[in-house]
Amino acid sequence: MKPVTIPTGSFIFQDITTRGFWLSSWVKDHTDKKAEMLAEIIKMFKDKKLELWTEKVKLEDYKQAIKKTSQQNSKKIIFDLN
């Protein structure tokens, strides 16, 4: 529940805008479009237009993974059990 921070230069020089939304509220009001939305998101991943901020870490390296989570802008850690 931390505030989102975006560098002001991104707004000024890249002409970006931001807008928030409440996903669970949208899904409740658009149950008929949920499958379409998920298909579109999957396509964005396949087309490399969207990426997850994740990092696979071997379970035996858990101490290093814990340290990484305390860093600012750290990726979500996924333990590789193979």
Protein backbone atom coordinates (compact mmCIF):
# COMPACT_ATOMS: atom_id res chain seq x y z
CA MET A 1 0.00 0.00 0.00
CA LYS A 2 2.89 2.35 -0.74
CA PRO A 3 2.36 5.36 -3.00
CA VAL A 4 3.34 4.94 -6.63
CA THR A 5 6.30 7.10 -7.61
CA ILE A 6 7.05 8.06 -11.19
CA PRO A 7 9.86 10.43 -12.16
CA THR A 8 8.47 13.80 -13.23
CA GLY A 9 10.72 13.71 -16.31
CA SER A 10 8.64 10.82 -17.63
CA PHE A 11 5.52 13.00 -17.52
CA ILE A 12 7.21 16.02 -19.02
CA PHE A 13 9.55 14.62 -21.66
CA GLN A 14 7.80 11.38 -22.62
CA ASP A 15 4.30 12.87 -22.46
CA ILE A 16 2.91 9.98 -20.41
CA THR A 17 -0.20 9.92 -18.29
CA THR A 18 -1.28 7.58 -15.51
CA ARG A 19 -4.66 6.35 -14.45
CA GLY A 20 -5.59 3.97 -11.68
CA PHE A 21 -8.31 1.38 -11.63
CA TRP A 22 -9.75 -1.18 -9.24
CA LEU A 23 -9.51 -4.56 -10.98
CA SER A 24 -11.90 -6.48 -8.74
CA SER A 25 -14.57 -3.84 -9.24
CA TRP A 26 -14.08 -3.92 -13.03
CA VAL A 27 -14.31 -7.74 -13.11
CA LYS A 28 -17.51 -7.64 -11.06
CA ASP A 29 -19.10 -5.21 -13.52
CA HIS A 30 -17.72 -6.91 -16.68
CA THR A 31 -17.92 -10.66 -16.09
CA ASP A 32 -18.84 -11.17 -19.75
CA LYS A 33 -15.53 -9.59 -20.87
CA LYS A 34 -13.18 -11.33 -18.43
CA ALA A 35 -12.09 -14.08 -20.90
CA GLU A 36 -11.49 -11.49 -23.62
CA MET A 37 -9.38 -9.39 -21.23
CA LEU A 38 -7.26 -12.38 -20.20
CA ALA A 39 -6.71 -13.38 -23.83
CA GLU A 40 -5.55 -9.85 -24.64
CA ILE A 41 -3.13 -9.84 -21.68
CA ILE A 42 -1.70 -13.23 -22.71
CA LYS A 43 -1.19 -11.91 -26.25
CA MET A 44 0.66 -8.88 -24.85
CA PHE A 45 3.03 -11.21 -22.99
CA LYS A 46 3.59 -13.31 -26.11
CA ASP A 47 4.24 -10.18 -28.20
CA LYS A 48 6.71 -8.91 -25.56
CA LYS A 49 4.63 -5.77 -25.03
CA LEU A 50 4.16 -6.65 -21.37
CA GLU A 51 6.54 -8.32 -18.98
CA LEU A 52 6.47 -9.52 -15.42
CA TRP A 53 8.93 -8.11 -12.93
CA THR A 54 9.95 -11.51 -11.68
CA GLU A 55 13.19 -13.34 -11.08
CA LYS A 56 13.67 -17.08 -10.67
CA VAL A 57 15.97 -18.07 -7.82
CA LYS A 58 17.04 -21.57 -6.84
CA LEU A 59 15.62 -22.54 -3.47
CA GLU A 60 19.09 -23.08 -2.01
CA ASP A 61 19.83 -19.40 -2.74
CA TYR A 62 16.97 -18.24 -0.53
CA LYS A 63 19.20 -15.98 1.61
CA GLN A 64 20.24 -14.00 -1.47
CA ALA A 65 16.60 -13.84 -2.58
CA ILE A 66 15.50 -12.43 0.78
CA LYS A 67 18.15 -9.71 0.52
CA LYS A 68 16.99 -8.81 -2.98
CA THR A 69 13.40 -8.27 -1.82
CA SER A 70 14.51 -5.49 0.51
CA GLN A 71 16.00 -3.49 -2.38
CA GLN A 72 14.04 -0.66 -3.91
CA ASN A 73 12.35 -1.66 -7.18
CA SER A 74 13.15 -5.31 -6.57
CA LYS A 75 11.50 -7.94 -8.72
CA LYS A 76 9.12 -10.53 -7.32
CA ILE A 77 11.08 -13.63 -6.44
CA ILE A 78 9.92 -17.02 -7.74
CA PHE A 79 11.67 -20.04 -6.27
CA ASP A 80 12.83 -22.56 -8.86
CA LEU A 81 12.24 -25.98 -7.30
CA ASN A 82 13.85 -27.94 -10.16
